[in-house]
Amino acid sequence: MDPVRLACAVVSVTILLYGVPVVRDRLRAWLPAAPVDPYRAAAGRWLTEDDVQAAAARLLLDGLVTINHRGNLALTETGADVARTAGHPLPDALLAALRRRTAATTLGIIAYHDPAFRAAHAEFHGRPGASRARRAAAARDCLSATGVLLLTGELAFVLVALFDRLPQGPAQWAATAATGLASLAQLGFLGRYGDRPGVDGHRVAASEPYVPPAPHPALVELSEKDPAAAARLRAGRLRTTRRRNRGRRRRRGRGTAAARTD
């Protein structure tokens, strides 16, 4: 094969290999990051500061529920209106859970003993999104493996072409040298295959102190406007056991006896 044509092809591939990641990183730096839902960000915080706690704080601030000294949440007249929503899936799920109750109950009981709320909570945090992320990661791995195979084949072809015949004249010798240097660069690029993006970042992050995400704005606002309600909400989150029929679901067919039990 003509060494000059071979050099043009190999050098072009090398520039493409090293240029695409640079352009991708530049675009990521220029493009703004996608906003993160505050409830999703709060999910990793401590129990009394997590997304469920923030949802209850939002309902309190909007006047949809009240909380007593025992930490029991109860619907207000506005909250009992089924046409009224909180405007977000997670507070709406908590509001629906309270509407299914016959009596005031704690946030801890709902969080741990209400299967419908737990299912809504899991759905909000995106199990379908996690599946899409896994499929996208699998597709990237497949494309990466295909690229490695193509690059390996290209390097083998170049190696055979370099030793096919001796170059003739300065131009072919220069082209052969450029081909050799470009092949070495491609070999170095191939040697980095398997190093996942962010692995070194994870190692660095592991040596740094953990910084938790900022508290949810609803929890901050509730603590400023009504510290007593915020303290009661924290206490209610830690109460996960039922007493008598407080906070249980409505029992149908029991008539006034069930009402007296509530």
Protein backbone atom coordinates (compact mmCIF):
# COMPACT_ATOMS: atom_id res chain seq x y z
CA MET A 1 0.00 0.00 0.00
CA ASP A 2 1.18 3.51 -0.73
CA PRO A 3 2.82 4.83 2.51
CA VAL A 4 1.52 8.36 1.92
CA ARG A 5 -2.10 7.25 1.64
CA LEU A 6 -1.66 4.96 4.62
CA ALA A 7 -0.22 7.83 6.67
CA CYS A 8 -3.13 10.10 5.77
CA ALA A 9 -5.64 7.47 6.88
CA VAL A 10 -3.86 6.50 10.13
CA VAL A 11 -3.15 10.08 11.18
CA SER A 12 -6.79 11.06 10.51
CA VAL A 13 -8.03 8.19 12.68
CA THR A 14 -5.64 9.21 15.46
CA ILE A 15 -6.81 12.81 15.37
CA LEU A 16 -10.40 11.59 15.52
CA LEU A 17 -9.70 9.32 18.49
CA TYR A 18 -8.11 12.07 20.57
CA GLY A 19 -10.27 14.92 19.29
CA VAL A 20 -13.73 13.52 20.01
CA PRO A 21 -13.23 13.23 23.83
CA VAL A 22 -11.86 16.79 23.93
CA VAL A 23 -14.87 18.16 22.05
CA ARG A 24 -17.24 16.12 24.26
CA ASP A 25 -15.65 17.47 27.46
CA ARG A 26 -15.83 21.02 26.10
CA LEU A 27 -19.51 20.64 25.31
CA ARG A 28 -20.20 19.25 28.79
CA ALA A 29 -18.40 22.23 30.32
CA TRP A 30 -20.36 24.74 28.24
CA LEU A 31 -23.80 23.17 28.49
CA PRO A 32 -25.65 23.82 31.76
CA ALA A 33 -26.27 20.83 33.99
CA ALA A 34 -29.81 19.49 34.17
CA PRO A 35 -31.66 20.71 37.28
CA VAL A 36 -32.11 18.13 40.03
CA ASP A 37 -35.49 17.76 41.73
CA PRO A 38 -35.03 18.92 45.37
CA TYR A 39 -36.96 15.85 46.58
CA ARG A 40 -34.57 13.55 44.76
CA ALA A 41 -31.60 15.41 46.20
CA ALA A 42 -33.00 15.11 49.73
CA ALA A 43 -33.48 11.33 49.45
CA GLY A 44 -29.93 10.64 50.64
CA ARG A 45 -30.15 12.70 53.81
CA TRP A 46 -30.81 11.58 57.37
CA LEU A 47 -34.23 10.12 58.19
CA THR A 48 -35.74 13.31 59.64
CA GLU A 49 -34.35 15.42 56.78
CA ASP A 50 -35.13 13.22 53.79
CA ASP A 51 -37.61 13.59 50.93
CA VAL A 52 -40.56 12.12 52.86
CA GLN A 53 -39.98 14.60 55.67
CA ALA A 54 -39.78 17.40 53.10
CA ALA A 55 -43.08 16.30 51.54
CA ALA A 56 -44.80 16.51 54.93
CA ALA A 57 -43.25 19.94 55.53
CA ARG A 58 -44.62 21.10 52.18
CA LEU A 59 -48.13 19.97 53.13
CA LEU A 60 -47.86 21.79 56.46
CA LEU A 61 -46.67 24.99 54.79
CA ASP A 62 -49.49 24.85 52.25
CA GLY A 63 -52.10 24.43 54.98
CA LEU A 64 -53.22 21.02 53.74
CA VAL A 65 -52.42 19.20 57.00
CA THR A 66 -51.89 20.05 60.65
CA ILE A 67 -49.72 18.37 63.27
CA ASN A 68 -50.43 18.03 67.01
CA HIS A 69 -48.10 17.77 69.99
CA ARG A 70 -47.84 13.99 69.54
CA GLY A 71 -46.59 14.33 65.97
CA ASN A 72 -49.85 13.13 64.40
CA LEU A 73 -50.72 14.53 60.99
CA ALA A 74 -54.37 15.34 60.22
CA LEU A 75 -56.06 16.78 57.15
CA THR A 76 -57.44 20.28 57.14
CA GLU A 77 -60.66 21.12 55.33
CA THR A 78 -58.59 22.20 52.34
CA GLY A 79 -56.53 19.03 52.44
CA ALA A 80 -59.63 16.84 52.64
CA ASP A 81 -60.87 18.28 49.36
CA VAL A 82 -59.92 15.63 46.77
CA ALA A 83 -59.75 18.28 44.07
CA ARG A 84 -56.83 19.97 45.85
CA THR A 85 -53.30 18.77 45.08
CA ALA A 86 -49.88 19.67 46.37
CA GLY A 87 -48.42 20.13 42.90
CA HIS A 88 -45.72 17.47 43.20
CA PRO A 89 -45.93 13.66 42.99
CA LEU A 90 -44.35 12.96 46.39
CA PRO A 91 -46.43 15.37 48.53
CA ASP A 92 -49.48 14.27 46.53
CA ALA A 93 -48.76 10.63 47.44
CA LEU A 94 -48.47 11.58 51.12
CA LEU A 95 -51.70 13.59 50.90
CA ALA A 96 -53.47 10.60 49.33
CA ALA A 97 -52.17 8.36 52.12
CA LEU A 98 -53.62 10.68 54.76
CA ARG A 99 -56.96 10.74 52.92
CA ARG A 100 -57.12 6.96 53.17
CA ARG A 101 -56.91 7.15 56.98
CA THR A 102 -59.77 7.44 59.43
CA ALA A 103 -57.72 9.21 62.09
CA ALA A 104 -54.61 11.31 62.52
CA THR A 105 -51.37 9.37 62.23
CA THR A 106 -47.64 9.93 62.29
CA LEU A 107 -45.42 10.29 59.30
CA GLY A 108 -43.38 7.30 60.46
CA ILE A 109 -46.43 5.01 60.33
CA ILE A 110 -47.24 6.10 56.78
CA ALA A 111 -43.64 5.77 55.64
CA TYR A 112 -43.26 2.25 57.01
CA HIS A 113 -46.76 0.73 56.99
CA ASP A 114 -48.51 2.16 53.93
CA PRO A 115 -47.75 -0.02 50.88
CA ALA A 116 -49.43 2.37 48.44
CA PHE A 117 -47.29 5.26 49.63
CA ARG A 118 -44.14 3.14 49.54
CA ALA A 119 -44.96 2.10 45.97
CA ALA A 120 -45.54 5.72 44.94
CA HIS A 121 -42.27 6.71 46.62
CA ALA A 122 -40.35 4.00 44.75
CA GLU A 123 -42.00 4.99 41.46
CA PHE A 124 -41.09 8.64 41.98
CA HIS A 125 -37.45 7.77 42.48
CA GLY A 126 -37.38 6.30 39.03
CA ARG A 127 -36.98 2.56 38.87
CA PRO A 128 -37.95 2.84 35.16
CA GLY A 129 -35.29 5.56 34.85
CA ALA A 130 -32.77 3.24 36.46
CA SER A 131 -33.65 0.58 33.90
CA ARG A 132 -33.10 3.08 31.10
CA ALA A 133 -29.77 4.04 32.62
CA ARG A 134 -28.72 0.39 32.75
CA ARG A 135 -29.73 -0.10 29.11
CA ALA A 136 -27.82 3.03 28.10
CA ALA A 137 -24.74 1.81 30.01
CA ALA A 138 -24.99 -1.59 28.30
CA ALA A 139 -25.25 0.12 24.90
CA ARG A 140 -22.17 2.25 25.66
CA ASP A 141 -20.23 -0.85 26.70
CA CYS A 142 -21.24 -2.62 23.49
CA LEU A 143 -20.17 0.34 21.36
CA SER A 144 -16.89 0.59 23.26
CA ALA A 145 -16.14 -3.09 22.73
CA THR A 146 -16.96 -2.76 19.01
CA GLY A 147 -14.68 0.26 18.75
CA VAL A 148 -11.83 -1.62 20.42
CA LEU A 149 -12.21 -4.53 18.00
CA LEU A 150 -12.19 -2.17 15.00
CA LEU A 151 -9.17 -0.31 16.33
CA THR A 152 -7.31 -3.56 16.97
CA GLY A 153 -8.03 -4.71 13.42
CA GLU A 154 -6.89 -1.38 12.03
CA LEU A 155 -3.60 -1.55 13.96
CA ALA A 156 -2.97 -5.09 12.71
CA PHE A 157 -3.59 -3.97 9.13
CA VAL A 158 -1.26 -0.99 9.54
CA LEU A 159 1.47 -3.20 11.01
CA VAL A 160 1.29 -5.54 8.03
CA ALA A 161 1.25 -2.61 5.58
CA LEU A 162 4.32 -1.02 7.17
CA PHE A 163 6.43 -4.11 6.61
CA ASP A 164 4.96 -4.90 3.21
CA ARG A 165 7.67 -3.01 1.36
CA LEU A 166 10.44 -0.55 2.05
CA PRO A 167 9.66 3.16 1.52
CA GLN A 168 11.15 4.85 -1.51
CA GLY A 169 12.26 8.46 -1.23
CA PRO A 170 11.98 11.08 1.54
CA ALA A 171 8.21 11.53 1.21
CA GLN A 172 7.47 7.86 1.78
CA TRP A 173 9.97 7.66 4.65
CA ALA A 174 8.32 10.68 6.29
CA ALA A 175 4.90 9.15 5.74
CA THR A 176 6.06 5.86 7.24
CA ALA A 177 7.42 7.66 10.30
CA ALA A 178 4.15 9.55 10.73
CA THR A 179 2.23 6.28 10.40
CA GLY A 180 4.41 4.65 13.06
CA LEU A 181 3.99 7.53 15.51
CA ALA A 182 0.24 7.64 14.92
CA SER A 183 0.01 3.88 15.46
CA LEU A 184 1.86 4.21 18.75
CA ALA A 185 -0.56 6.93 19.79
CA GLN A 186 -3.49 4.67 18.90
CA LEU A 187 -1.89 1.84 20.86
CA GLY A 188 -1.67 4.15 23.88
CA PHE A 189 -5.31 5.08 23.44
CA LEU A 190 -6.20 1.38 23.24
CA GLY A 191 -4.25 0.72 26.43
CA ARG A 192 -6.62 3.00 28.33
CA TYR A 193 -9.61 0.84 27.45
CA GLY A 194 -11.27 -0.50 30.59
CA ASP A 195 -10.54 2.61 32.64
CA ARG A 196 -14.07 3.74 33.41
CA PRO A 197 -14.68 7.48 33.38
CA GLY A 198 -14.79 8.71 36.90
CA VAL A 199 -12.87 5.83 38.52
CA ASP A 200 -10.02 8.12 39.51
CA GLY A 201 -12.61 10.67 40.57
CA HIS A 202 -14.22 8.08 42.85
CA ARG A 203 -10.84 7.34 44.41
CA VAL A 204 -10.23 11.02 45.04
CA ALA A 205 -13.75 11.47 46.38
CA ALA A 206 -13.27 8.52 48.74
CA SER A 207 -10.33 10.31 50.36
CA GLU A 208 -12.28 13.55 50.79
CA PRO A 209 -14.76 14.18 53.62
CA TYR A 210 -18.39 13.52 52.74
CA VAL A 211 -20.47 16.64 52.27
CA PRO A 212 -24.22 15.92 52.50
CA PRO A 213 -26.60 17.72 50.14
CA ALA A 214 -28.30 20.88 51.31
CA PRO A 215 -31.59 20.52 53.25
CA HIS A 216 -34.81 20.67 51.28
CA PRO A 217 -36.19 24.24 51.02
CA ALA A 218 -39.52 23.18 52.58
CA LEU A 219 -37.76 21.90 55.71
CA VAL A 220 -35.73 25.10 55.98
CA GLU A 221 -38.84 27.26 55.55
CA LEU A 222 -40.82 25.25 58.12
CA SER A 223 -38.00 25.49 60.66
CA GLU A 224 -37.93 29.26 60.24
CA LYS A 225 -41.69 29.86 60.25
CA ASP A 226 -42.80 27.27 62.81
CA PRO A 227 -39.97 25.61 64.77
CA ALA A 228 -42.47 23.82 67.01
CA ALA A 229 -44.16 22.15 64.02
CA ALA A 230 -40.77 21.15 62.63
CA ALA A 231 -39.86 19.54 65.98
CA ARG A 232 -43.19 17.71 66.12
CA LEU A 233 -42.69 16.48 62.57
CA ARG A 234 -39.29 15.07 63.49
CA ALA A 235 -40.75 13.32 66.52
CA GLY A 236 -43.62 11.91 64.45
CA ARG A 237 -41.21 10.49 61.87
CA LEU A 238 -39.57 8.39 64.57
CA ARG A 239 -42.90 6.96 65.77
CA THR A 240 -43.63 3.89 63.66
CA THR A 241 -45.95 1.84 65.90
CA ARG A 242 -49.73 2.07 66.00
CA ARG A 243 -51.82 2.44 69.15
CA ARG A 244 -55.45 1.36 69.14
CA ASN A 245 -56.79 2.21 65.68
CA ARG A 246 -55.00 5.53 65.30
CA GLY A 247 -54.02 6.00 61.71
CA ARG A 248 -55.28 2.67 60.44
CA ARG A 249 -57.14 2.35 57.16
CA ARG A 250 -60.89 2.62 57.10
CA ARG A 251 -62.60 -0.70 57.78
CA ARG A 252 -65.71 -1.18 55.73
CA GLY A 253 -68.75 -3.09 56.89
CA ARG A 254 -68.12 -2.54 60.60
CA GLY A 255 -70.60 0.31 60.95
CA THR A 256 -70.51 2.46 64.08
CA ALA A 257 -68.29 0.01 65.92
CA ALA A 258 -65.40 0.87 63.62
CA ALA A 259 -66.11 4.56 64.07
CA ARG A 260 -66.04 4.16 67.87
CA THR A 261 -62.71 2.34 67.61
CA ASP A 262 -61.23 5.25 65.66
